Structure formats: structure tokens, C-alpha cells
């Protein structure tokens, strides 16, 4: 009797024995990162998991399509929260702190939970939580640096236009 065929999709669904390749971030790490760093950081961790599962197409779709779309939506929601009054602001804050992290956890569980559980059941180690926290901190730093880069860029453009 031959060994079962291992495809990345069957491993992701937890239908086959896990490949002991690169470790994955666990669901708790994805949930913690979505609270600390944002849903963008959680999506980035999921893309790293897809890369470890050798599903490079899915990893790049998350990195090049999903992260920019979610970032655009987050910037607009943040602008709405800043310009809104009372209850609307509370709704946006609760969305960022509760609903979006819960959605990130549920999506990660649906998309990669089988592979994560299969590796845990096989006794394979997961990536440490501190690595996930570093990803979250990188996204927090980017959130602070990005507006400064835009400000510098608009200042330079303004100076160039003023000199013409």
C-alpha cells in the first residue's frame, strides 16, 4: 500500500499527513497579531503560512491584492472615525478591536486551520509567538511611518510646483 498523495491543498484542509517543512503560525498567533498589529498583519502571517505550505500563488494573492485592499478600507474607516461623532466612533473602534480580529481568526481557521491542527497533532512545532509579534510591530511602525512619507512626498511636490 502506498503513502497518501500529499498536495498543498490536502494538507491545508488537514486531509493528509503534514509535511515537516517550515513551521506555521498558529491560530492564536494570528488572533494576537490582528489585535496588536491589525488585520493586515494577520493576513501577512497567513501569507507566510501559505508560503510554508508551498502555496505560493495564494501567498502572493494575499500580499499583493488582499493587503492593499484591506489597507485602503482601513484608511477610509479610520478617516471616518476621526471625522465622526460619538456612537459612530465607538462603532469603528469596536470594529477594529473585536470584529476584525474575530473575522481574521475565523478566516485563518477556515483557510489554514486544518493544516495547523494536522501539524500540531503530528507533534511538529509552530512558529513562536514572538515572531508573530515582531510582524505586528512592523505593521505598527509602518502605520506611523507611512503618513510621514506621504507628508514628505507632498512637501517635495509642493516645493517643486512652487519653484516652477
N, C-alpha and C. Protein backbone atom coordinates (compact mmCIF):
# COMPACT_ATOMS: atom_id res chain seq x y z
N UNK A 1 0.85 -1.17 0.00
CA UNK A 1 0.00 0.00 0.00
C UNK A 1 0.89 1.24 0.00
N UNK A 2 0.62 2.18 -0.88
CA UNK A 2 1.47 3.36 -0.99
C UNK A 2 1.01 4.46 -0.04
N UNK A 3 1.91 5.39 0.18
CA UNK A 3 1.60 6.53 1.06
C UNK A 3 0.60 7.44 0.36
N UNK A 4 -0.24 8.14 1.14
CA UNK A 4 -1.21 9.05 0.51
C UNK A 4 -0.50 10.18 -0.21
N UNK A 5 -1.12 10.61 -1.28
CA UNK A 5 -0.58 11.70 -2.08
C UNK A 5 -0.67 13.01 -1.27
N UNK A 6 0.44 13.71 -1.16
CA UNK A 6 0.47 14.97 -0.40
C UNK A 6 0.41 16.14 -1.36
N UNK A 7 -0.68 16.82 -1.37
CA UNK A 7 -0.78 18.07 -2.13
C UNK A 7 -0.96 19.19 -1.11
N UNK A 8 -0.51 20.41 -1.47
CA UNK A 8 -0.66 21.51 -0.52
C UNK A 8 -2.11 21.74 -0.10
N UNK A 9 -3.07 21.55 -1.02
CA UNK A 9 -4.46 21.79 -0.65
C UNK A 9 -4.97 20.72 0.31
N UNK A 10 -4.54 19.46 0.13
CA UNK A 10 -5.00 18.42 1.05
C UNK A 10 -4.38 18.61 2.43
N UNK A 11 -3.15 19.10 2.49
CA UNK A 11 -2.53 19.38 3.79
C UNK A 11 -3.23 20.57 4.44
N UNK A 12 -3.56 21.60 3.66
CA UNK A 12 -4.22 22.78 4.21
C UNK A 12 -5.58 22.41 4.81
N UNK A 13 -6.28 21.46 4.20
CA UNK A 13 -7.56 21.04 4.74
C UNK A 13 -7.40 20.01 5.85
N UNK A 14 -6.18 19.54 6.09
CA UNK A 14 -5.94 18.56 7.14
C UNK A 14 -6.28 17.14 6.73
N UNK A 15 -6.33 16.87 5.41
CA UNK A 15 -6.71 15.55 4.92
C UNK A 15 -5.52 14.61 4.78
N UNK A 16 -4.31 15.11 4.83
CA UNK A 16 -3.13 14.27 4.64
C UNK A 16 -2.12 14.55 5.74
N UNK A 17 -1.14 13.71 5.81
CA UNK A 17 -0.08 13.92 6.80
C UNK A 17 0.67 15.19 6.46
N UNK A 18 0.99 15.99 7.47
CA UNK A 18 1.67 17.25 7.19
C UNK A 18 3.12 17.05 6.79
N UNK A 19 3.58 17.91 5.91
CA UNK A 19 4.97 17.94 5.52
C UNK A 19 5.74 18.63 6.65
N UNK A 20 6.79 18.02 7.15
CA UNK A 20 7.50 18.64 8.27
C UNK A 20 8.40 19.79 7.84
N UNK A 21 8.07 20.47 6.76
CA UNK A 21 8.85 21.60 6.27
C UNK A 21 8.84 22.75 7.26
N UNK A 22 8.71 23.94 6.74
CA UNK A 22 8.74 25.12 7.58
C UNK A 22 7.53 25.15 8.51
N UNK A 23 7.72 25.58 9.75
CA UNK A 23 6.58 25.65 10.68
C UNK A 23 5.62 26.76 10.30
N UNK A 24 4.39 26.62 10.77
CA UNK A 24 3.33 27.60 10.51
C UNK A 24 3.07 28.44 11.75
N UNK A 25 2.51 29.62 11.54
CA UNK A 25 1.99 30.40 12.65
C UNK A 25 0.66 29.79 13.06
N UNK A 26 0.41 29.69 14.35
CA UNK A 26 -0.83 29.13 14.84
C UNK A 26 -1.97 30.13 14.82
N UNK A 27 -3.17 29.63 15.09
CA UNK A 27 -4.36 30.48 15.07
C UNK A 27 -4.31 31.53 16.18
N UNK A 28 -3.77 31.16 17.34
CA UNK A 28 -3.66 32.13 18.44
C UNK A 28 -2.71 33.26 18.04
N UNK A 29 -1.60 32.92 17.39
CA UNK A 29 -0.66 33.96 16.93
C UNK A 29 -1.34 34.90 15.95
N UNK A 30 -2.14 34.35 15.04
CA UNK A 30 -2.85 35.18 14.07
C UNK A 30 -3.85 36.08 14.78
N UNK A 31 -4.55 35.56 15.78
CA UNK A 31 -5.51 36.38 16.54
C UNK A 31 -4.80 37.49 17.31
N UNK A 32 -3.69 37.16 17.97
CA UNK A 32 -2.94 38.17 18.74
C UNK A 32 -2.42 39.26 17.82
N UNK A 33 -1.88 38.87 16.69
CA UNK A 33 -1.33 39.84 15.74
C UNK A 33 -2.42 40.73 15.17
N UNK A 34 -3.62 40.18 14.96
CA UNK A 34 -4.69 41.01 14.42
C UNK A 34 -5.12 42.07 15.41
N UNK A 35 -4.95 41.81 16.71
CA UNK A 35 -5.28 42.81 17.72
C UNK A 35 -4.13 43.81 17.86
N UNK A 36 -2.89 43.32 17.94
CA UNK A 36 -1.74 44.21 18.15
C UNK A 36 -1.35 45.01 16.91
N UNK A 37 -1.31 44.36 15.78
CA UNK A 37 -0.77 44.99 14.59
C UNK A 37 -1.81 45.38 13.57
N UNK A 38 -2.94 44.75 13.55
CA UNK A 38 -4.07 44.99 12.67
C UNK A 38 -4.36 43.73 11.88
N UNK A 39 -5.47 43.76 11.21
CA UNK A 39 -5.85 42.63 10.37
C UNK A 39 -4.84 42.46 9.24
N UNK A 40 -4.20 43.56 8.82
CA UNK A 40 -3.18 43.47 7.78
C UNK A 40 -2.04 42.56 8.20
N UNK A 41 -1.61 42.68 9.45
CA UNK A 41 -0.54 41.82 9.96
C UNK A 41 -1.00 40.37 10.01
N UNK A 42 -2.25 40.13 10.37
CA UNK A 42 -2.78 38.76 10.39
C UNK A 42 -2.81 38.17 8.99
N UNK A 43 -3.21 38.96 8.01
CA UNK A 43 -3.23 38.49 6.63
C UNK A 43 -1.81 38.19 6.17
N UNK A 44 -0.86 39.01 6.58
CA UNK A 44 0.53 38.77 6.22
C UNK A 44 1.03 37.45 6.81
N UNK A 45 0.66 37.16 8.07
CA UNK A 45 1.04 35.88 8.67
C UNK A 45 0.42 34.72 7.88
N UNK A 46 -0.82 34.89 7.47
CA UNK A 46 -1.46 33.84 6.68
C UNK A 46 -0.72 33.64 5.35
N UNK A 47 -0.25 34.73 4.76
CA UNK A 47 0.51 34.59 3.51
C UNK A 47 1.82 33.86 3.77
N UNK A 48 2.43 34.10 4.92
CA UNK A 48 3.66 33.37 5.28
C UNK A 48 3.36 31.88 5.49
N UNK A 49 2.19 31.58 6.06
CA UNK A 49 1.78 30.18 6.21
C UNK A 49 1.58 29.53 4.85
N UNK A 50 0.93 30.24 3.92
CA UNK A 50 0.74 29.68 2.59
C UNK A 50 2.09 29.41 1.91
N UNK A 51 3.04 30.32 2.10
CA UNK A 51 4.37 30.10 1.52
C UNK A 51 5.01 28.86 2.14
N UNK A 52 4.85 28.66 3.45
CA UNK A 52 5.40 27.48 4.11
C UNK A 52 4.71 26.20 3.63
N UNK A 53 3.45 26.31 3.24
CA UNK A 53 2.70 25.17 2.70
C UNK A 53 2.96 24.97 1.20
N UNK A 54 3.85 25.78 0.65
CA UNK A 54 4.19 25.75 -0.77
C UNK A 54 3.02 26.13 -1.67
N UNK A 55 2.14 26.97 -1.17
CA UNK A 55 1.04 27.52 -1.97
C UNK A 55 1.39 28.98 -2.27
N UNK A 56 2.39 29.14 -3.12
CA UNK A 56 2.95 30.47 -3.37
C UNK A 56 1.96 31.39 -4.09
N UNK A 57 1.09 30.85 -4.92
CA UNK A 57 0.09 31.68 -5.58
C UNK A 57 -0.84 32.34 -4.58
N UNK A 58 -1.33 31.55 -3.62
CA UNK A 58 -2.21 32.09 -2.59
C UNK A 58 -1.46 33.10 -1.72
N UNK A 59 -0.20 32.82 -1.44
CA UNK A 59 0.59 33.76 -0.63
C UNK A 59 0.72 35.10 -1.32
N UNK A 60 0.99 35.10 -2.63
CA UNK A 60 1.16 36.36 -3.34
C UNK A 60 -0.16 37.07 -3.57
N UNK A 61 -1.25 36.34 -3.71
CA UNK A 61 -2.56 37.00 -3.83
C UNK A 61 -2.86 37.75 -2.53
N UNK A 62 -2.60 37.13 -1.39
CA UNK A 62 -2.83 37.82 -0.12
C UNK A 62 -1.94 39.05 -0.01
N UNK A 63 -0.68 38.92 -0.39
CA UNK A 63 0.27 40.04 -0.24
C UNK A 63 0.00 41.18 -1.22
N UNK A 64 -0.32 40.85 -2.46
CA UNK A 64 -0.41 41.89 -3.49
C UNK A 64 -1.83 42.38 -3.77
N UNK A 65 -2.84 41.63 -3.34
CA UNK A 65 -4.22 42.04 -3.60
C UNK A 65 -4.95 42.34 -2.30
N UNK A 66 -5.00 41.37 -1.41
CA UNK A 66 -5.81 41.50 -0.21
C UNK A 66 -5.27 42.56 0.74
N UNK A 67 -3.96 42.56 1.01
CA UNK A 67 -3.40 43.54 1.95
C UNK A 67 -3.63 44.97 1.47
N UNK A 68 -3.36 45.32 0.20
CA UNK A 68 -3.64 46.69 -0.23
C UNK A 68 -5.13 47.07 -0.16
N UNK A 69 -6.01 46.14 -0.51
CA UNK A 69 -7.45 46.44 -0.46
C UNK A 69 -7.90 46.68 0.98
N UNK A 70 -7.46 45.82 1.89
CA UNK A 70 -7.82 45.99 3.30
C UNK A 70 -7.19 47.26 3.86
N UNK A 71 -5.97 47.57 3.45
CA UNK A 71 -5.32 48.80 3.92
C UNK A 71 -6.09 50.03 3.45
N UNK A 72 -6.53 50.03 2.20
CA UNK A 72 -7.32 51.14 1.68
C UNK A 72 -8.61 51.30 2.47
N UNK A 73 -9.28 50.18 2.75
CA UNK A 73 -10.52 50.23 3.53
C UNK A 73 -10.25 50.71 4.95
N UNK A 74 -9.14 50.27 5.55
CA UNK A 74 -8.80 50.68 6.91
C UNK A 74 -8.51 52.17 6.99
N UNK A 75 -7.82 52.70 6.00
CA UNK A 75 -7.51 54.14 5.98
C UNK A 75 -8.81 54.94 5.91
N UNK A 76 -9.74 54.51 5.07
CA UNK A 76 -11.01 55.21 4.97
C UNK A 76 -11.84 55.08 6.24
N UNK A 77 -11.84 53.90 6.85
CA UNK A 77 -12.59 53.72 8.09
C UNK A 77 -11.98 54.57 9.21
N UNK A 78 -10.65 54.67 9.25
CA UNK A 78 -10.00 55.50 10.25
C UNK A 78 -10.35 56.97 10.04
N UNK A 79 -10.34 57.41 8.79
CA UNK A 79 -10.74 58.79 8.49
C UNK A 79 -12.17 59.06 8.89
N UNK A 80 -13.05 58.08 8.67
CA UNK A 80 -14.44 58.22 9.09
C UNK A 80 -14.53 58.33 10.61
N UNK A 81 -13.76 57.51 11.32
CA UNK A 81 -13.80 57.53 12.79
C UNK A 81 -13.31 58.87 13.33
N UNK A 82 -12.29 59.42 12.71
CA UNK A 82 -11.74 60.70 13.18
C UNK A 82 -12.73 61.82 12.95
N UNK A 83 -13.46 61.78 11.84
CA UNK A 83 -14.39 62.86 11.49
C UNK A 83 -15.80 62.65 12.00
N UNK A 84 -16.08 61.51 12.65
CA UNK A 84 -17.44 61.24 13.10
C UNK A 84 -17.60 61.63 14.57
N UNK A 85 -18.82 61.52 15.03
CA UNK A 85 -19.15 61.89 16.40
C UNK A 85 -19.55 60.67 17.21
N UNK A 86 -19.31 60.68 18.48
CA UNK A 86 -19.81 59.75 19.48
C UNK A 86 -19.96 58.29 19.11
N UNK A 87 -21.20 57.86 18.89
CA UNK A 87 -21.52 56.45 18.69
C UNK A 87 -20.84 55.88 17.46
N UNK A 88 -20.71 56.66 16.40
CA UNK A 88 -20.04 56.16 15.20
C UNK A 88 -18.58 55.86 15.48
N UNK A 89 -17.93 56.70 16.24
CA UNK A 89 -16.53 56.50 16.58
C UNK A 89 -16.37 55.23 17.42
N UNK A 90 -17.27 55.01 18.37
CA UNK A 90 -17.22 53.82 19.20
C UNK A 90 -17.41 52.58 18.34
N UNK A 91 -18.31 52.65 17.38
CA UNK A 91 -18.55 51.52 16.48
C UNK A 91 -17.30 51.16 15.70
N UNK A 92 -16.61 52.16 15.17
CA UNK A 92 -15.40 51.89 14.40
C UNK A 92 -14.31 51.32 15.30
N UNK A 93 -14.15 51.85 16.50
CA UNK A 93 -13.14 51.34 17.43
C UNK A 93 -13.46 49.90 17.81
N UNK A 94 -14.71 49.60 18.11
CA UNK A 94 -15.09 48.22 18.43
C UNK A 94 -14.86 47.30 17.24
N UNK A 95 -15.11 47.80 16.05
CA UNK A 95 -14.86 47.00 14.85
C UNK A 95 -13.39 46.63 14.75
N UNK A 96 -12.51 47.61 14.98
CA UNK A 96 -11.07 47.35 14.89
C UNK A 96 -10.59 46.41 15.99
N UNK A 97 -11.15 46.52 17.19
CA UNK A 97 -10.65 45.74 18.32
C UNK A 97 -11.34 44.40 18.52
N UNK A 98 -12.54 44.22 18.00
CA UNK A 98 -13.28 42.98 18.25
C UNK A 98 -13.68 42.27 16.96
N UNK A 99 -14.41 42.94 16.11
CA UNK A 99 -14.99 42.27 14.95
C UNK A 99 -13.92 41.86 13.94
N UNK A 100 -13.01 42.75 13.58
CA UNK A 100 -11.99 42.41 12.60
C UNK A 100 -11.02 41.33 13.11
N UNK A 101 -10.54 41.40 14.36
CA UNK A 101 -9.71 40.28 14.84
C UNK A 101 -10.46 38.95 14.87
N UNK A 102 -11.73 38.98 15.24
CA UNK A 102 -12.51 37.74 15.24
C UNK A 102 -12.67 37.22 13.81
N UNK A 103 -12.90 38.11 12.87
CA UNK A 103 -13.01 37.70 11.47
C UNK A 103 -11.69 37.13 10.96
N UNK A 104 -10.58 37.75 11.35
CA UNK A 104 -9.26 37.24 10.93
C UNK A 104 -9.03 35.84 11.49
N UNK A 105 -9.39 35.63 12.75
CA UNK A 105 -9.23 34.31 13.36
C UNK A 105 -10.10 33.28 12.64
N UNK A 106 -11.36 33.61 12.40
CA UNK A 106 -12.26 32.67 11.74
C UNK A 106 -11.82 32.37 10.31
N UNK A 107 -11.35 33.39 9.60
CA UNK A 107 -10.86 33.17 8.24
C UNK A 107 -9.62 32.29 8.25
N UNK A 108 -8.69 32.56 9.17
CA UNK A 108 -7.49 31.74 9.27
C UNK A 108 -7.84 30.30 9.63
N UNK A 109 -8.82 30.13 10.52
CA UNK A 109 -9.25 28.78 10.89
C UNK A 109 -9.87 28.07 9.70
N UNK A 110 -10.67 28.77 8.93
CA UNK A 110 -11.31 28.17 7.76
C UNK A 110 -10.26 27.83 6.69
N UNK A 111 -9.34 28.76 6.43
CA UNK A 111 -8.39 28.59 5.34
C UNK A 111 -7.21 27.69 5.69
N UNK A 112 -6.71 27.78 6.93
CA UNK A 112 -5.48 27.08 7.27
C UNK A 112 -5.57 26.25 8.54
N UNK A 113 -6.72 26.25 9.18
CA UNK A 113 -6.86 25.54 10.44
C UNK A 113 -6.57 24.06 10.35
N UNK A 114 -6.97 23.43 9.25
CA UNK A 114 -6.70 22.01 9.08
C UNK A 114 -5.22 21.70 9.07
N UNK A 115 -4.45 22.49 8.33
CA UNK A 115 -3.01 22.28 8.27
C UNK A 115 -2.35 22.57 9.62
N UNK A 116 -2.81 23.61 10.29
CA UNK A 116 -2.24 23.96 11.59
C UNK A 116 -2.52 22.85 12.60
N UNK A 117 -3.75 22.36 12.62
CA UNK A 117 -4.11 21.28 13.56
C UNK A 117 -3.40 19.97 13.20
N UNK A 118 -3.26 19.67 11.91
CA UNK A 118 -2.59 18.45 11.49
C UNK A 118 -1.12 18.47 11.93
N UNK A 119 -0.48 19.60 11.79
CA UNK A 119 0.93 19.71 12.22
C UNK A 119 1.05 19.60 13.73
N UNK A 120 0.10 20.21 14.46
CA UNK A 120 0.14 20.11 15.92
C UNK A 120 -0.09 18.66 16.36
N UNK A 121 -1.03 17.97 15.70
CA UNK A 121 -1.31 16.57 16.05
C UNK A 121 -0.11 15.68 15.74
N UNK A 122 0.66 16.03 14.72
CA UNK A 122 1.85 15.25 14.37
C UNK A 122 3.04 15.60 15.25
N UNK A 123 2.86 16.56 16.16
CA UNK A 123 3.94 16.95 17.05
C UNK A 123 4.95 17.90 16.45
N UNK A 124 4.61 18.49 15.31
CA UNK A 124 5.52 19.44 14.67
C UNK A 124 5.39 20.80 15.34
N UNK A 125 6.50 21.49 15.52
CA UNK A 125 6.42 22.78 16.22
C UNK A 125 5.79 23.86 15.34
N UNK A 126 5.16 24.81 16.00
CA UNK A 126 4.64 26.00 15.33
C UNK A 126 5.68 27.11 15.45
N UNK A 127 5.53 28.13 14.65
CA UNK A 127 6.43 29.27 14.79
C UNK A 127 6.11 29.97 16.10
N UNK A 128 7.13 30.50 16.77
CA UNK A 128 6.89 31.12 18.08
C UNK A 128 6.07 32.41 17.99
N UNK A 129 5.35 32.69 19.07
CA UNK A 129 4.50 33.87 19.13
C UNK A 129 5.32 35.15 19.01
N UNK A 130 6.55 35.16 19.51
CA UNK A 130 7.35 36.38 19.46
C UNK A 130 7.64 36.78 18.01
N UNK A 131 7.77 35.80 17.09
CA UNK A 131 7.96 36.16 15.69
C UNK A 131 6.71 36.82 15.12
N UNK A 132 5.56 36.35 15.53
CA UNK A 132 4.31 36.96 15.09
C UNK A 132 4.19 38.38 15.63
N UNK A 133 4.59 38.57 16.88
CA UNK A 133 4.54 39.91 17.48
C UNK A 133 5.49 40.86 16.74
N UNK A 134 6.64 40.37 16.30
CA UNK A 134 7.55 41.21 15.51
C UNK A 134 6.89 41.66 14.21
N UNK A 135 6.14 40.78 13.57
CA UNK A 135 5.40 41.17 12.36
C UNK A 135 4.38 42.25 12.70
N UNK A 136 3.68 42.07 13.83
CA UNK A 136 2.70 43.07 14.25
C UNK A 136 3.37 44.42 14.50
N UNK A 137 4.51 44.41 15.17
CA UNK A 137 5.23 45.67 15.44
C UNK A 137 5.71 46.32 14.16
N UNK A 138 6.09 45.52 13.17
CA UNK A 138 6.49 46.09 11.88
C UNK A 138 5.32 46.80 11.22
N UNK A 139 4.12 46.22 11.32
CA UNK A 139 2.95 46.88 10.75
C UNK A 139 2.58 48.14 11.53
N UNK A 140 2.77 48.13 12.84
CA UNK A 140 2.52 49.34 13.64
C UNK A 140 3.51 50.43 13.25
N UNK A 141 4.78 50.06 13.10
CA UNK A 141 5.78 51.04 12.68
C UNK A 141 5.46 51.59 11.30
N UNK A 142 5.03 50.72 10.40
CA UNK A 142 4.65 51.17 9.06
C UNK A 142 3.47 52.13 9.11
N UNK A 143 2.53 51.87 10.03
CA UNK A 143 1.37 52.75 10.17
C UNK A 143 1.78 54.14 10.61
N UNK A 144 2.87 54.25 11.40
CA UNK A 144 3.34 55.57 11.82
C UNK A 144 4.24 56.22 10.78
N UNK A 145 5.01 55.43 10.05
CA UNK A 145 5.96 55.98 9.09
C UNK A 145 5.27 56.36 7.78
N UNK A 146 4.25 55.62 7.37
CA UNK A 146 3.59 55.88 6.09
C UNK A 146 3.06 57.32 5.98
N UNK A 147 2.34 57.85 6.98
CA UNK A 147 1.89 59.25 6.86
C UNK A 147 3.06 60.24 6.78
N UNK A 148 4.15 59.94 7.47
CA UNK A 148 5.32 60.82 7.38
C UNK A 148 5.93 60.81 5.99
N UNK A 149 5.97 59.65 5.37
CA UNK A 149 6.47 59.54 3.99
C UNK A 149 5.57 60.32 3.04
N UNK A 150 4.25 60.18 3.22
CA UNK A 150 3.32 60.95 2.38
C UNK A 150 3.49 62.45 2.58
N UNK A 151 3.65 62.87 3.83
CA UNK A 151 3.84 64.29 4.11
C UNK A 151 5.11 64.81 3.45
N UNK A 152 6.19 64.04 3.54
CA UNK A 152 7.44 64.43 2.90
C UNK A 152 7.28 64.49 1.38
N UNK A 153 6.59 63.51 0.83
CA UNK A 153 6.39 63.47 -0.62
C UNK A 153 5.56 64.67 -1.08
N UNK A 154 4.48 64.99 -0.36
CA UNK A 154 3.65 66.14 -0.75
C UNK A 154 4.38 67.45 -0.55
N UNK A 155 5.25 67.52 0.44
CA UNK A 155 6.04 68.73 0.66
C UNK A 155 7.02 68.94 -0.49
N UNK A 156 7.69 67.86 -0.91
CA UNK A 156 8.63 67.96 -2.03
C UNK A 156 7.89 68.34 -3.30
N UNK A 157 6.76 67.72 -3.56
CA UNK A 157 5.96 68.06 -4.75
C UNK A 157 5.52 69.52 -4.69
N UNK A 158 5.10 69.97 -3.52
CA UNK A 158 4.69 71.37 -3.36
C UNK A 158 5.83 72.34 -3.60
N UNK A 159 7.02 71.99 -3.11
CA UNK A 159 8.18 72.85 -3.33
C UNK A 159 8.58 72.87 -4.80
N UNK A 160 8.48 71.76 -5.47
CA UNK A 160 8.81 71.70 -6.88
C UNK A 160 7.81 72.51 -7.69
N UNK A 161 6.51 72.40 -7.36
CA UNK A 161 5.49 73.15 -8.08
C UNK A 161 5.63 74.64 -7.81
N UNK A 162 6.02 75.00 -6.59
CA UNK A 162 6.16 76.41 -6.25
C UNK A 162 7.35 77.04 -6.98
N UNK A 163 8.38 76.24 -7.26
CA UNK A 163 9.57 76.79 -7.91
C UNK A 163 9.39 76.90 -9.42
N UNK A 164 8.35 76.30 -9.97
CA UNK A 164 8.15 76.34 -11.42
C UNK A 164 7.39 77.56 -11.83
